[in-house]
PDB file of N, CA and C in Angstrom:
ATOM      1  N   MET A   1      53.588 146.381 -50.990  1.00  0.00           N
ATOM      2  CA  MET A   1      54.087 146.056 -49.668  1.00  0.00           C
ATOM      3  C   MET A   1      53.236 144.926 -49.089  1.00  0.00           C
ATOM      4  N   PRO A   2      53.874 143.917 -48.505  1.00  0.00           N
ATOM      5  CA  PRO A   2      53.109 142.808 -47.936  1.00  0.00           C
ATOM      6  C   PRO A   2      52.318 143.258 -46.708  1.00  0.00           C
ATOM      7  N   ASP A   3      51.279 142.492 -46.376  1.00  0.00           N
ATOM      8  CA  ASP A   3      50.541 142.799 -45.154  1.00  0.00           C
ATOM      9  C   ASP A   3      50.511 141.556 -44.266  1.00  0.00           C
ATOM     10  N   ALA A   4      49.864 141.681 -43.119  1.00  0.00           N
ATOM     11  CA  ALA A   4      49.878 140.612 -42.123  1.00  0.00           C
ATOM     12  C   ALA A   4      49.330 139.298 -42.669  1.00  0.00           C
ATOM     13  N   SER A   5      48.456 139.349 -43.650  1.00  0.00           N
ATOM     14  CA  SER A   5      47.911 138.108 -44.215  1.00  0.00           C
ATOM     15  C   SER A   5      48.965 137.326 -44.999  1.00  0.00           C
ATOM     16  N   ASP A   6      50.085 137.955 -45.335  1.00  0.00           N
ATOM     17  CA  ASP A   6      51.171 137.275 -46.046  1.00  0.00           C
ATOM     18  C   ASP A   6      52.121 136.547 -45.094  1.00  0.00           C
ATOM     19  N   VAL A   7      51.954 136.777 -43.794  1.00  0.00           N
ATOM     20  CA  VAL A   7      52.829 136.181 -42.780  1.00  0.00           C
ATOM     21  C   VAL A   7      52.350 134.766 -42.479  1.00  0.00           C
ATOM     22  N   VAL A   8      53.307 133.842 -42.369  1.00  0.00           N
ATOM     23  CA  VAL A   8      53.025 132.443 -42.070  1.00  0.00           C
ATOM     24  C   VAL A   8      53.436 132.164 -40.630  1.00  0.00           C
ATOM     25  N   ASP A   9      52.532 131.560 -39.873  1.00  0.00           N
ATOM     26  CA  ASP A   9      52.854 131.151 -38.510  1.00  0.00           C
ATOM     27  C   ASP A   9      53.491 129.762 -38.587  1.00  0.00           C
ATOM     28  N   ASN A  10      54.694 129.628 -38.038  1.00  0.00           N
ATOM     29  CA  ASN A  10      55.394 128.354 -37.997  1.00  0.00           C
ATOM     30  C   ASN A  10      55.533 127.956 -36.526  1.00  0.00           C
ATOM     31  N   PRO A  11      54.466 127.378 -35.934  1.00  0.00           N
ATOM     32  CA  PRO A  11      54.508 127.070 -34.509  1.00  0.00           C
ATOM     33  C   PRO A  11      55.596 126.065 -34.137  1.00  0.00           C
ATOM     34  N   ALA A  12      55.972 125.171 -35.032  1.00  0.00           N
ATOM     35  CA  ALA A  12      57.035 124.201 -34.734  1.00  0.00           C
ATOM     36  C   ALA A  12      58.361 124.909 -34.465  1.00  0.00           C
ATOM     37  N   ALA A  13      58.572 126.059 -35.124  1.00  0.00           N
ATOM     38  CA  ALA A  13      59.793 126.845 -34.935  1.00  0.00           C
ATOM     39  C   ALA A  13      59.563 128.050 -34.018  1.00  0.00           C
ATOM     40  N   SER A  14      58.344 128.217 -33.528  1.00  0.00           N
ATOM     41  CA  SER A  14      57.963 129.358 -32.675  1.00  0.00           C
ATOM     42  C   SER A  14      58.319 130.683 -33.329  1.00  0.00           C
ATOM     43  N   ARG A  15      57.877 130.834 -34.570  1.00  0.00           N
ATOM     44  CA  ARG A  15      58.152 132.090 -35.253  1.00  0.00           C
ATOM     45  C   ARG A  15      57.098 132.380 -36.320  1.00  0.00           C
ATOM     46  N   LEU A  16      56.951 133.671 -36.573  1.00  0.00           N
ATOM     47  CA  LEU A  16      56.152 134.152 -37.688  1.00  0.00           C
ATOM     48  C   LEU A  16      57.137 134.456 -38.803  1.00  0.00           C
ATOM     49  N   GLU A  17      56.815 134.044 -40.009  1.00  0.00           N
ATOM     50  CA  GLU A  17      57.739 134.188 -41.134  1.00  0.00           C
ATOM     51  C   GLU A  17      57.088 134.958 -42.272  1.00  0.00           C
ATOM     52  N   LEU A  18      57.902 135.751 -42.931  1.00  0.00           N
ATOM     53  CA  LEU A  18      57.468 136.426 -44.153  1.00  0.00           C
ATOM     54  C   LEU A  18      58.541 136.182 -45.200  1.00  0.00           C
ATOM     55  N   HIS A  19      58.176 135.424 -46.227  1.00  0.00           N
ATOM     56  CA  HIS A  19      59.093 135.099 -47.316  1.00  0.00           C
ATOM     57  C   HIS A  19      58.836 136.079 -48.453  1.00  0.00           C
ATOM     58  N   LEU A  20      59.901 136.760 -48.872  1.00  0.00           N
ATOM     59  CA  LEU A  20      59.755 137.781 -49.902  1.00  0.00           C
ATOM     60  C   LEU A  20      61.079 137.924 -50.649  1.00  0.00           C
ATOM     61  N   ASP A  21      61.014 137.921 -51.959  1.00  0.00           N
ATOM     62  CA  ASP A  21      62.187 138.139 -52.799  1.00  0.00           C
ATOM     63  C   ASP A  21      63.347 137.221 -52.428  1.00  0.00           C
ATOM     64  N   GLY A  22      63.045 135.965 -52.107  1.00  0.00           N
ATOM     65  CA  GLY A  22      64.081 134.990 -51.796  1.00  0.00           C
ATOM     66  C   GLY A  22      64.685 135.118 -50.406  1.00  0.00           C
ATOM     67  N   SER A  23      64.130 135.977 -49.570  1.00  0.00           N
ATOM     68  CA  SER A  23      64.613 136.161 -48.200  1.00  0.00           C
ATOM     69  C   SER A  23      63.484 135.878 -47.224  1.00  0.00           C
ATOM     70  N   MET A  24      63.858 135.655 -45.970  1.00  0.00           N
ATOM     71  CA  MET A  24      62.852 135.425 -44.948  1.00  0.00           C
ATOM     72  C   MET A  24      63.080 136.365 -43.768  1.00  0.00           C
ATOM     73  N   ALA A  25      62.040 137.093 -43.398  1.00  0.00           N
ATOM     74  CA  ALA A  25      62.033 137.900 -42.175  1.00  0.00           C
ATOM     75  C   ALA A  25      61.273 137.084 -41.147  1.00  0.00           C
ATOM     76  N   GLU A  26      61.616 137.279 -39.864  1.00  0.00           N
ATOM     77  CA  GLU A  26      60.963 136.476 -38.846  1.00  0.00           C
ATOM     78  C   GLU A  26      60.767 137.238 -37.551  1.00  0.00           C
ATOM     79  N   LEU A  27      59.748 136.824 -36.827  1.00  0.00           N
ATOM     80  CA  LEU A  27      59.521 137.294 -35.465  1.00  0.00           C
ATOM     81  C   LEU A  27      59.431 136.027 -34.612  1.00  0.00           C
ATOM     82  N   ILE A  28      60.407 135.850 -33.736  1.00  0.00           N
ATOM     83  CA  ILE A  28      60.451 134.681 -32.869  1.00  0.00           C
ATOM     84  C   ILE A  28      59.604 134.977 -31.631  1.00  0.00           C
ATOM     85  N   TYR A  29      58.789 134.007 -31.244  1.00  0.00           N
ATOM     86  CA  TYR A  29      57.906 134.191 -30.105  1.00  0.00           C
ATOM     87  C   TYR A  29      57.939 132.962 -29.208  1.00  0.00           C
ATOM     88  N   ALA A  30      57.364 133.111 -28.043  1.00  0.00           N
ATOM     89  CA  ALA A  30      57.140 131.988 -27.135  1.00  0.00           C
ATOM     90  C   ALA A  30      55.701 132.070 -26.661  1.00  0.00           C
ATOM     91  N   GLN A  31      55.013 130.958 -26.720  1.00  0.00           N
ATOM     92  CA  GLN A  31      53.650 130.884 -26.186  1.00  0.00           C
ATOM     93  C   GLN A  31      53.778 130.371 -24.763  1.00  0.00           C
ATOM     94  N   GLN A  32      53.419 131.201 -23.798  1.00  0.00           N
ATOM     95  CA  GLN A  32      53.506 130.831 -22.383  1.00  0.00           C
ATOM     96  C   GLN A  32      52.123 130.975 -21.768  1.00  0.00           C
ATOM     97  N   GLY A  33      51.385 129.900 -21.789  1.00  0.00           N
ATOM     98  CA  GLY A  33      50.002 129.943 -21.307  1.00  0.00           C
ATOM     99  C   GLY A  33      49.181 130.879 -22.169  1.00  0.00           C
ATOM    100  N   ASP A  34      48.590 131.899 -21.534  1.00  0.00           N
ATOM    101  CA  ASP A  34      47.774 132.853 -22.287  1.00  0.00           C
ATOM    102  C   ASP A  34      48.586 134.057 -22.757  1.00  0.00           C
ATOM    103  N   ARG A  35      49.911 133.942 -22.760  1.00  0.00           N
ATOM    104  CA  ARG A  35      50.798 135.041 -23.161  1.00  0.00           C
ATOM    105  C   ARG A  35      51.564 134.682 -24.436  1.00  0.00           C
ATOM    106  N   LEU A  36      51.584 135.641 -25.353  1.00  0.00           N
ATOM    107  CA  LEU A  36      52.403 135.520 -26.553  1.00  0.00           C
ATOM    108  C   LEU A  36      53.576 136.476 -26.370  1.00  0.00           C
ATOM    109  N   VAL A  37      54.734 135.908 -26.066  1.00  0.00           N
ATOM    110  CA  VAL A  37      55.925 136.703 -25.777  1.00  0.00           C
ATOM    111  C   VAL A  37      56.695 136.913 -27.078  1.00  0.00           C
ATOM    112  N   LEU A  38      56.854 138.174 -27.462  1.00  0.00           N
ATOM    113  CA  LEU A  38      57.590 138.523 -28.685  1.00  0.00           C
ATOM    114  C   LEU A  38      59.054 138.672 -28.297  1.00  0.00           C
ATOM    115  N   ILE A  39      59.905 137.804 -28.842  1.00  0.00           N
ATOM    116  CA  ILE A  39      61.288 137.703 -28.391  1.00  0.00           C
ATOM    117  C   ILE A  39      62.275 138.435 -29.291  1.00  0.00           C
ATOM    118  N   HIS A  40      62.175 138.229 -30.591  1.00  0.00           N
ATOM    119  CA  HIS A  40      63.182 138.792 -31.492  1.00  0.00           C
ATOM    120  C   HIS A  40      62.608 138.965 -32.884  1.00  0.00           C
ATOM    121  N   THR A  41      62.852 140.120 -33.476  1.00  0.00           N
ATOM    122  CA  THR A  41      62.440 140.390 -34.850  1.00  0.00           C
ATOM    123  C   THR A  41      63.695 140.523 -35.697  1.00  0.00           C
ATOM    124  N   GLU A  42      63.720 139.815 -36.816  1.00  0.00           N
ATOM    125  CA  GLU A  42      64.885 139.836 -37.710  1.00  0.00           C
ATOM    126  C   GLU A  42      64.400 140.087 -39.138  1.00  0.00           C
ATOM    127  N   VAL A  43      64.891 141.176 -39.723  1.00  0.00           N
ATOM    128  CA  VAL A  43      64.561 141.499 -41.108  1.00  0.00           C
ATOM    129  C   VAL A  43      65.877 141.580 -41.881  1.00  0.00           C
ATOM    130  N   PRO A  44      66.056 140.726 -42.896  1.00  0.00           N
ATOM    131  CA  PRO A  44      67.293 140.776 -43.670  1.00  0.00           C
ATOM    132  C   PRO A  44      67.489 142.153 -44.299  1.00  0.00           C
ATOM    133  N   GLU A  45      68.741 142.520 -44.461  1.00  0.00           N
ATOM    134  CA  GLU A  45      69.081 143.826 -45.033  1.00  0.00           C
ATOM    135  C   GLU A  45      68.381 144.071 -46.360  1.00  0.00           C
ATOM    136  N   ALA A  46      68.247 143.021 -47.160  1.00  0.00           N
ATOM    137  CA  ALA A  46      67.612 143.155 -48.477  1.00  0.00           C
ATOM    138  C   ALA A  46      66.145 143.576 -48.386  1.00  0.00           C
ATOM    139  N   LEU A  47      65.533 143.360 -47.220  1.00  0.00           N
ATOM    140  CA  LEU A  47      64.113 143.687 -47.053  1.00  0.00           C
ATOM    141  C   LEU A  47      63.880 144.917 -46.185  1.00  0.00           C
ATOM    142  N   GLU A  48      64.936 145.520 -45.682  1.00  0.00           N
ATOM    143  CA  GLU A  48      64.789 146.672 -44.792  1.00  0.00           C
ATOM    144  C   GLU A  48      64.125 147.857 -45.495  1.00  0.00           C
ATOM    145  N   GLY A  49      63.467 148.687 -44.699  1.00  0.00           N
ATOM    146  CA  GLY A  49      62.865 149.908 -45.213  1.00  0.00           C
ATOM    147  C   GLY A  49      61.541 149.701 -45.921  1.00  0.00           C
ATOM    148  N   ARG A  50      60.950 148.518 -45.762  1.00  0.00           N
ATOM    149  CA  ARG A  50      59.700 148.220 -46.459  1.00  0.00           C
ATOM    150  C   ARG A  50      58.549 147.941 -45.487  1.00  0.00           C
ATOM    151  N   GLY A  51      58.782 148.214 -44.216  1.00  0.00           N
ATOM    152  CA  GLY A  51      57.731 148.006 -43.225  1.00  0.00           C
ATOM    153  C   GLY A  51      57.523 146.554 -42.834  1.00  0.00           C
ATOM    154  N   ILE A  52      58.494 145.706 -43.133  1.00  0.00           N
ATOM    155  CA  ILE A  52      58.358 144.274 -42.874  1.00  0.00           C
ATOM    156  C   ILE A  52      58.278 143.979 -41.374  1.00  0.00           C
ATOM    157  N   GLY A  53      59.106 144.644 -40.573  1.00  0.00           N
ATOM    158  CA  GLY A  53      59.067 144.433 -39.129  1.00  0.00           C
ATOM    159  C   GLY A  53      57.688 144.736 -38.562  1.00  0.00           C
ATOM    160  N   GLY A  54      57.116 145.846 -38.973  1.00  0.00           N
ATOM    161  CA  GLY A  54      55.772 146.209 -38.528  1.00  0.00           C
ATOM    162  C   GLY A  54      54.725 145.214 -38.995  1.00  0.00           C
ATOM    163  N   THR A  55      54.915 144.676 -40.186  1.00  0.00           N
ATOM    164  CA  THR A  55      53.993 143.666 -40.698  1.00  0.00           C
ATOM    165  C   THR A  55      54.033 142.424 -39.813  1.00  0.00           C
ATOM    166  N   LEU A  56      55.237 142.023 -39.382  1.00  0.00           N
ATOM    167  CA  LEU A  56      55.371 140.863 -38.501  1.00  0.00           C
ATOM    168  C   LEU A  56      54.719 141.121 -37.146  1.00  0.00           C
ATOM    169  N   VAL A  57      54.925 142.308 -36.586  1.00  0.00           N
ATOM    170  CA  VAL A  57      54.319 142.639 -35.294  1.00  0.00           C
ATOM    171  C   VAL A  57      52.798 142.680 -35.433  1.00  0.00           C
ATOM    172  N   THR A  58      52.297 143.237 -36.498  1.00  0.00           N
ATOM    173  CA  THR A  58      50.850 143.272 -36.733  1.00  0.00           C
ATOM    174  C   THR A  58      50.287 141.859 -36.815  1.00  0.00           C
ATOM    175  N   ALA A  59      51.021 140.963 -37.476  1.00  0.00           N
ATOM    176  CA  ALA A  59      50.575 139.564 -37.560  1.00  0.00           C
ATOM    177  C   ALA A  59      50.570 138.918 -36.175  1.00  0.00           C
ATOM    178  N   ALA A  60      51.555 139.241 -35.346  1.00  0.00           N
ATOM    179  CA  ALA A  60      51.588 138.704 -33.980  1.00  0.00           C
ATOM    180  C   ALA A  60      50.391 139.192 -33.184  1.00  0.00           C
ATOM    181  N   VAL A  61      50.052 140.455 -33.334  1.00  0.00           N
ATOM    182  CA  VAL A  61      48.874 141.000 -32.648  1.00  0.00           C
ATOM    183  C   VAL A  61      47.617 140.287 -33.143  1.00  0.00           C
ATOM    184  N   GLY A  62      47.544 140.049 -34.435  1.00  0.00           N
ATOM    185  CA  GLY A  62      46.398 139.322 -34.984  1.00  0.00           C
ATOM    186  C   GLY A  62      46.284 137.921 -34.413  1.00  0.00           C
ATOM    187  N   ARG A  63      47.420 137.248 -34.269  1.00  0.00           N
ATOM    188  CA  ARG A  63      47.425 135.903 -33.674  1.00  0.00           C
ATOM    189  C   ARG A  63      46.960 135.973 -32.230  1.00  0.00           C
ATOM    190  N   ALA A  64      47.475 136.930 -31.475  1.00  0.00           N
ATOM    191  CA  ALA A  64      47.085 137.087 -30.073  1.00  0.00           C
ATOM    192  C   ALA A  64      45.600 137.423 -29.961  1.00  0.00           C
ATOM    193  N   GLU A  65      45.126 138.258 -30.853  1.00  0.00           N
ATOM    194  CA  GLU A  65      43.708 138.635 -30.855  1.00  0.00           C
ATOM    195  C   GLU A  65      42.836 137.400 -31.101  1.00  0.00           C
ATOM    196  N   ARG A  66      43.214 136.611 -32.071  1.00  0.00           N
ATOM    197  CA  ARG A  66      42.470 135.393 -32.414  1.00  0.00           C
ATOM    198  C   ARG A  66      42.459 134.403 -31.247  1.00  0.00           C
ATOM    199  N   ASP A  67      43.618 134.276 -30.568  1.00  0.00           N
ATOM    200  CA  ASP A  67      43.764 133.307 -29.480  1.00  0.00           C
ATOM    201  C   ASP A  67      43.410 133.884 -28.109  1.00  0.00           C
ATOM    202  N   GLU A  68      42.991 135.161 -28.097  1.00  0.00           N
ATOM    203  CA  GLU A  68      42.689 135.866 -26.846  1.00  0.00           C
ATOM    204  C   GLU A  68      43.878 135.812 -25.892  1.00  0.00           C
ATOM    205  N   ALA A  69      45.066 136.051 -26.449  1.00  0.00           N
ATOM    206  CA  ALA A  69      46.316 136.027 -25.689  1.00  0.00           C
ATOM    207  C   ALA A  69      46.761 137.443 -25.341  1.00  0.00           C
ATOM    208  N   ILE A  70      47.577 137.522 -24.333  1.00  0.00           N
ATOM    209  CA  ILE A  70      48.189 138.781 -23.909  1.00  0.00           C
ATOM    210  C   ILE A  70      49.539 138.891 -24.615  1.00  0.00           C
ATOM    211  N   VAL A  71      49.824 140.030 -25.206  1.00  0.00           N
ATOM    212  CA  VAL A  71      51.094 140.253 -25.896  1.00  0.00           C
ATOM    213  C   VAL A  71      52.116 140.800 -24.898  1.00  0.00           C
ATOM    214  N   VAL A  72      53.293 140.187 -24.889  1.00  0.00           N
ATOM    215  CA  VAL A  72      54.395 140.638 -24.038  1.00  0.00           C
ATOM    216  C   VAL A  72      55.570 140.970 -24.963  1.00  0.00           C
ATOM    217  N   PRO A  73      55.763 142.256 -25.289  1.00  0.00           N
ATOM    218  CA  PRO A  73      56.811 142.635 -26.252  1.00  0.00           C
ATOM    219  C   PRO A  73      58.194 142.766 -25.592  1.00  0.00           C
ATOM    220  N   ARG A  74      58.906 141.646 -25.468  1.00  0.00           N
ATOM    221  CA  ARG A  74      60.276 141.679 -24.931  1.00  0.00           C
ATOM    222  C   ARG A  74      61.276 142.114 -26.003  1.00  0.00           C
ATOM    223  N   CYS A  75      60.942 141.930 -27.252  1.00  0.00           N
ATOM    224  CA  CYS A  75      61.784 142.393 -28.365  1.00  0.00           C
ATOM    225  C   CYS A  75      61.724 143.921 -28.395  1.00  0.00           C
ATOM    226  N   PRO A  76      62.877 144.585 -28.304  1.00  0.00           N
ATOM    227  CA  PRO A  76      62.877 146.058 -28.308  1.00  0.00           C
ATOM    228  C   PRO A  76      62.208 146.654 -29.547  1.00  0.00           C
ATOM    229  N   PHE A  77      62.431 146.046 -30.719  1.00  0.00           N
ATOM    230  CA  PHE A  77      61.789 146.578 -31.927  1.00  0.00           C
ATOM    231  C   PHE A  77      60.275 146.489 -31.801  1.00  0.00           C
ATOM    232  N   ALA A  78      59.780 145.309 -31.420  1.00  0.00           N
ATOM    233  CA  ALA A  78      58.328 145.119 -31.317  1.00  0.00           C
ATOM    234  C   ALA A  78      57.737 146.081 -30.295  1.00  0.00           C
ATOM    235  N   ARG A  79      58.421 146.280 -29.191  1.00  0.00           N
ATOM    236  CA  ARG A  79      57.931 147.200 -28.161  1.00  0.00           C
ATOM    237  C   ARG A  79      57.833 148.624 -28.714  1.00  0.00           C
ATOM    238  N   ARG A  80      58.902 149.092 -29.348  1.00  0.00           N
ATOM    239  CA  ARG A  80      58.888 150.457 -29.910  1.00  0.00           C
ATOM    240  C   ARG A  80      57.801 150.594 -30.969  1.00  0.00           C
ATOM    241  N   TRP A  81      57.668 149.574 -31.800  1.00  0.00           N
ATOM    242  CA  TRP A  81      56.679 149.633 -32.875  1.00  0.00           C
ATOM    243  C   TRP A  81      55.273 149.720 -32.280  1.00  0.00           C
ATOM    244  N   LEU A  82      54.982 148.897 -31.285  1.00  0.00           N
ATOM    245  CA  LEU A  82      53.663 148.931 -30.657  1.00  0.00           C
ATOM    246  C   LEU A  82      53.406 150.260 -29.950  1.00  0.00           C
ATOM    247  N   GLU A  83      54.444 150.826 -29.325  1.00  0.00           N
ATOM    248  CA  GLU A  83      54.290 152.135 -28.685  1.00  0.00           C
ATOM    249  C   GLU A  83      53.949 153.214 -29.705  1.00  0.00           C
ATOM    250  N   ARG A  84      54.508 153.100 -30.911  1.00  0.00           N
ATOM    251  CA  ARG A  84      54.256 154.095 -31.962  1.00  0.00           C
ATOM    252  C   ARG A  84      52.973 153.825 -32.739  1.00  0.00           C
ATOM    253  N   HIS A  85      52.366 152.662 -32.532  1.00  0.00           N
ATOM    254  CA  HIS A  85      51.142 152.292 -33.256  1.00  0.00           C
ATOM    255  C   HIS A  85      50.069 151.834 -32.267  1.00  0.00           C
ATOM    256  N   PRO A  86      49.588 152.773 -31.456  1.00  0.00           N
ATOM    257  CA  PRO A  86      48.586 152.407 -30.448  1.00  0.00           C
ATOM    258  C   PRO A  86      47.293 151.856 -31.052  1.00  0.00           C
ATOM    259  N   ASP A  87      47.020 152.190 -32.313  1.00  0.00           N
ATOM    260  CA  ASP A  87      45.831 151.654 -32.966  1.00  0.00           C
ATOM    261  C   ASP A  87      45.922 150.133 -33.092  1.00  0.00           C
ATOM    262  N   VAL A  88      47.112 149.614 -33.327  1.00  0.00           N
ATOM    263  CA  VAL A  88      47.308 148.165 -33.415  1.00  0.00           C
ATOM    264  C   VAL A  88      47.402 147.574 -32.006  1.00  0.00           C
ATOM    265  N   ALA A  89      48.190 148.203 -31.143  1.00  0.00           N
ATOM    266  CA  ALA A  89      48.382 147.693 -29.785  1.00  0.00           C
ATOM    267  C   ALA A  89      47.058 147.611 -29.023  1.00  0.00           C
ATOM    268  N   SER A  90      46.142 148.509 -29.303  1.00  0.00           N
ATOM    269  CA  SER A  90      44.874 148.545 -28.562  1.00  0.00           C
ATOM    270  C   SER A  90      43.951 147.378 -28.919  1.00  0.00           C
ATOM    271  N   ARG A  91      44.292 146.617 -29.932  1.00  0.00           N
ATOM    272  CA  ARG A  91      43.462 145.468 -30.322  1.00  0.00           C
ATOM    273  C   ARG A  91      43.565 144.308 -29.328  1.00  0.00           C
ATOM    274  N   VAL A  92      44.622 144.311 -28.503  1.00  0.00           N
ATOM    275  CA  VAL A  92      44.854 143.240 -27.534  1.00  0.00           C
ATOM    276  C   VAL A  92      45.325 143.840 -26.215  1.00  0.00           C
ATOM    277  N   HIS A  93      45.344 143.003 -25.183  1.00  0.00           N
ATOM    278  CA  HIS A  93      45.950 143.439 -23.930  1.00  0.00           C
ATOM    279  C   HIS A  93      47.460 143.284 -24.083  1.00  0.00           C
ATOM    280  N   VAL A  94      48.210 144.334 -23.744  1.00  0.00           N
ATOM    281  CA  VAL A  94      49.672 144.289 -23.818  1.00  0.00           C
ATOM    282  C   VAL A  94      50.227 144.388 -22.409  1.00  0.00           C
ATOM    283  N   ASP A  95      51.088 143.455 -22.052  1.00  0.00           N
ATOM    284  CA  ASP A  95      51.780 143.462 -20.773  1.00  0.00           C
ATOM    285  C   ASP A  95      53.172 144.022 -21.063  1.00  0.00           C
ATOM    286  N   TRP A  96      53.340 145.307 -20.809  1.00  0.00           N
ATOM    287  CA  TRP A  96      54.599 145.982 -21.122  1.00  0.00           C
ATOM    288  C   TRP A  96      55.668 145.576 -20.111  1.00  0.00           C
ATOM    289  N   PRO A  97      56.734 144.902 -20.552  1.00  0.00           N
ATOM    290  CA  PRO A  97      57.812 144.541 -19.624  1.00  0.00           C
ATOM    291  C   PRO A  97      58.434 145.787 -19.006  1.00  0.00           C
ATOM    292  N   ALA A  98      58.858 145.665 -17.755  1.00  0.00           N
ATOM    293  CA  ALA A  98      59.451 146.804 -17.048  1.00  0.00           C
ATOM    294  C   ALA A  98      60.739 147.281 -17.705  1.00  0.00           C
ATOM    295  N   ALA A  99      61.530 146.337 -18.183  1.00  0.00           N
ATOM    296  CA  ALA A  99      62.808 146.708 -18.805  1.00  0.00           C
ATOM    297  C   ALA A  99      62.987 145.932 -20.094  1.00  0.00           C
ATOM    298  N   ALA A 100      63.315 146.643 -21.150  1.00  0.00           N
ATOM    299  CA  ALA A 100      63.565 145.996 -22.433  1.00  0.00           C
ATOM    300  C   ALA A 100      65.074 145.797 -22.576  1.00  0.00           C
ATOM    301  N   ALA A 101      65.453 144.929 -23.503  1.00  0.00           N
ATOM    302  CA  ALA A 101      66.869 144.700 -23.797  1.00  0.00           C
ATOM    303  C   ALA A 101      67.462 145.971 -24.359  1.00  0.00           C
ATOM    304  N   PRO A 102      68.766 146.155 -24.255  1.00  0.00           N
ATOM    305  CA  PRO A 102      69.412 147.367 -24.791  1.00  0.00           C
ATOM    306  C   PRO A 102      69.144 147.527 -26.290  1.00  0.00           C
ATOM    307  N   ASP A 103      69.192 148.792 -26.754  1.00  0.00           N
ATOM    308  CA  ASP A 103      69.020 149.049 -28.180  1.00  0.00           C
ATOM    309  C   ASP A 103      70.020 148.234 -28.969  1.00  0.00           C
ATOM    310  N   GLY A 104      69.588 147.834 -30.158  1.00  0.00           N
ATOM    311  CA  GLY A 104      70.450 147.048 -31.025  1.00  0.00           C
ATOM    312  C   GLY A 104      70.224 145.550 -30.859  1.00  0.00           C
ATOM    313  N   GLU A 105      69.470 145.156 -29.829  1.00  0.00           N
ATOM    314  CA  GLU A 105      69.138 143.760 -29.645  1.00  0.00           C
ATOM    315  C   GLU A 105      67.657 143.600 -29.874  1.00  0.00           C
ATOM    316  N   GLY A 106      67.292 142.500 -30.495  1.00  0.00           N
ATOM    317  CA  GLY A 106      65.863 142.243 -30.706  1.00  0.00           C
ATOM    318  C   GLY A 106      65.580 142.310 -32.109  1.00  0.00           C
TER     319      GLY A 106
END
Protein backbone atom coordinates (compact mmCIF):
# COMPACT_ATOMS: atom_id res chain seq x y z
CA MET A 1 0.00 0.00 0.00
CA PRO A 2 1.40 3.43 -0.89
CA ASP A 3 2.11 5.98 1.82
CA ALA A 4 2.20 9.77 1.97
CA SER A 5 5.79 9.85 0.67
CA ASP A 6 4.47 8.47 -2.65
CA VAL A 7 2.18 11.49 -3.11
CA VAL A 8 3.36 14.25 -5.47
CA ASP A 9 2.43 17.87 -4.80
CA ASN A 10 1.47 19.60 -8.06
CA PRO A 11 1.13 23.25 -6.98
CA ALA A 12 0.54 24.44 -10.57
CA ALA A 13 -2.66 22.35 -10.59
CA SER A 14 -3.39 22.89 -6.85
CA ARG A 15 -3.56 19.20 -6.16
CA LEU A 16 -1.82 16.31 -4.51
CA GLU A 17 -1.48 13.34 -6.85
CA LEU A 18 -0.88 9.65 -6.38
CA HIS A 19 -0.10 7.71 -9.55
CA LEU A 20 -0.62 3.98 -9.19
CA ASP A 21 -1.33 1.15 -11.62
CA GLY A 22 -1.86 3.56 -14.52
CA SER A 23 -4.43 5.65 -12.62
CA MET A 24 -4.23 8.91 -10.72
CA ALA A 25 -5.96 9.75 -7.43
CA GLU A 26 -6.03 13.38 -6.39
CA LEU A 27 -6.82 15.77 -3.59
CA ILE A 28 -7.57 19.26 -4.89
CA TYR A 29 -6.65 22.08 -2.54
CA ALA A 30 -6.45 25.84 -2.35
CA GLN A 31 -3.70 27.71 -0.55
CA GLN A 32 -5.30 30.78 1.03
CA GLY A 33 -2.70 32.62 3.04
CA ASP A 34 -1.81 30.41 5.99
CA ARG A 35 -4.71 28.02 5.24
CA LEU A 36 -4.61 24.83 3.20
CA VAL A 37 -8.21 24.28 2.12
CA LEU A 38 -8.97 20.68 1.15
CA ILE A 39 -11.60 20.91 -1.59
CA HIS A 40 -12.12 17.55 -3.27
CA THR A 41 -10.72 14.04 -3.08
CA GLU A 42 -11.06 11.77 -6.12
CA VAL A 43 -9.99 8.13 -6.15
CA PRO A 44 -10.61 6.16 -9.36
CA GLU A 45 -12.71 3.04 -8.97
CA ALA A 46 -9.71 0.89 -9.88
CA LEU A 47 -7.89 2.17 -6.78
CA GLU A 48 -10.76 2.10 -4.29
CA GLY A 49 -10.51 0.10 -1.08
CA ARG A 50 -6.76 0.53 -0.75
CA GLY A 51 -6.62 3.48 1.63
CA ILE A 52 -5.62 5.89 -1.14
CA GLY A 53 -7.95 8.68 0.03
CA GLY A 54 -6.46 8.54 3.51
CA THR A 55 -2.97 8.55 2.04
CA LEU A 56 -3.80 11.78 0.17
CA VAL A 57 -5.24 13.41 3.31
CA THR A 58 -2.18 12.35 5.31
CA ALA A 59 0.04 13.93 2.66
CA ALA A 60 -1.99 17.15 2.88
CA VAL A 61 -1.52 17.20 6.65
CA GLY A 62 2.20 16.67 6.12
CA ARG A 63 2.32 19.60 3.71
CA ALA A 64 0.41 21.80 6.16
CA GLU A 65 2.69 20.71 8.98
CA ARG A 66 5.79 21.55 6.95
CA ASP A 67 4.37 24.95 5.91
CA GLU A 68 2.87 25.67 9.36
CA ALA A 69 -0.53 26.02 7.67
CA ILE A 70 -4.01 25.55 9.08
CA VAL A 71 -5.99 22.72 7.47
CA VAL A 72 -9.56 23.53 6.42
CA PRO A 73 -11.30 20.27 5.37
CA ARG A 74 -14.15 21.43 3.10
CA CYS A 75 -14.06 18.09 1.27
CA PRO A 76 -16.55 15.81 3.08
CA PHE A 77 -14.29 12.77 2.66
CA ALA A 78 -11.25 14.58 4.08
CA ARG A 79 -13.30 15.90 6.99
CA ARG A 80 -14.68 12.45 7.89
CA TRP A 81 -11.25 10.88 7.52
CA LEU A 82 -9.63 13.45 9.81
CA GLU A 83 -12.43 13.04 12.36
CA ARG A 84 -11.77 9.27 12.39
CA HIS A 85 -7.98 9.72 12.60
CA PRO A 86 -7.34 12.22 15.39
CA ASP A 87 -3.73 11.03 15.59
CA VAL A 88 -3.12 12.55 12.14
CA ALA A 89 -5.40 15.57 12.61
CA SER A 90 -3.63 16.50 15.85
CA ARG A 91 -0.38 17.11 13.95
CA VAL A 92 -1.74 20.46 12.70
CA HIS A 93 -4.32 23.06 13.60
CA VAL A 94 -7.62 22.16 11.90
CA ASP A 95 -10.28 24.79 11.25
CA TRP A 96 -13.41 22.65 11.06
CA PRO A 97 -15.94 24.28 8.69
CA ALA A 98 -19.38 24.76 10.22
CA ALA A 99 -21.13 22.99 7.37
CA ALA A 100 -19.74 20.43 4.97
CA ALA A 101 -21.10 19.68 1.49
CA PRO A 102 -23.78 16.97 1.31
CA ASP A 103 -22.67 13.34 1.33
CA GLY A 104 -21.59 12.07 -2.04
CA GLU A 105 -19.76 15.29 -2.89
CA GLY A 106 -16.08 15.78 -2.30
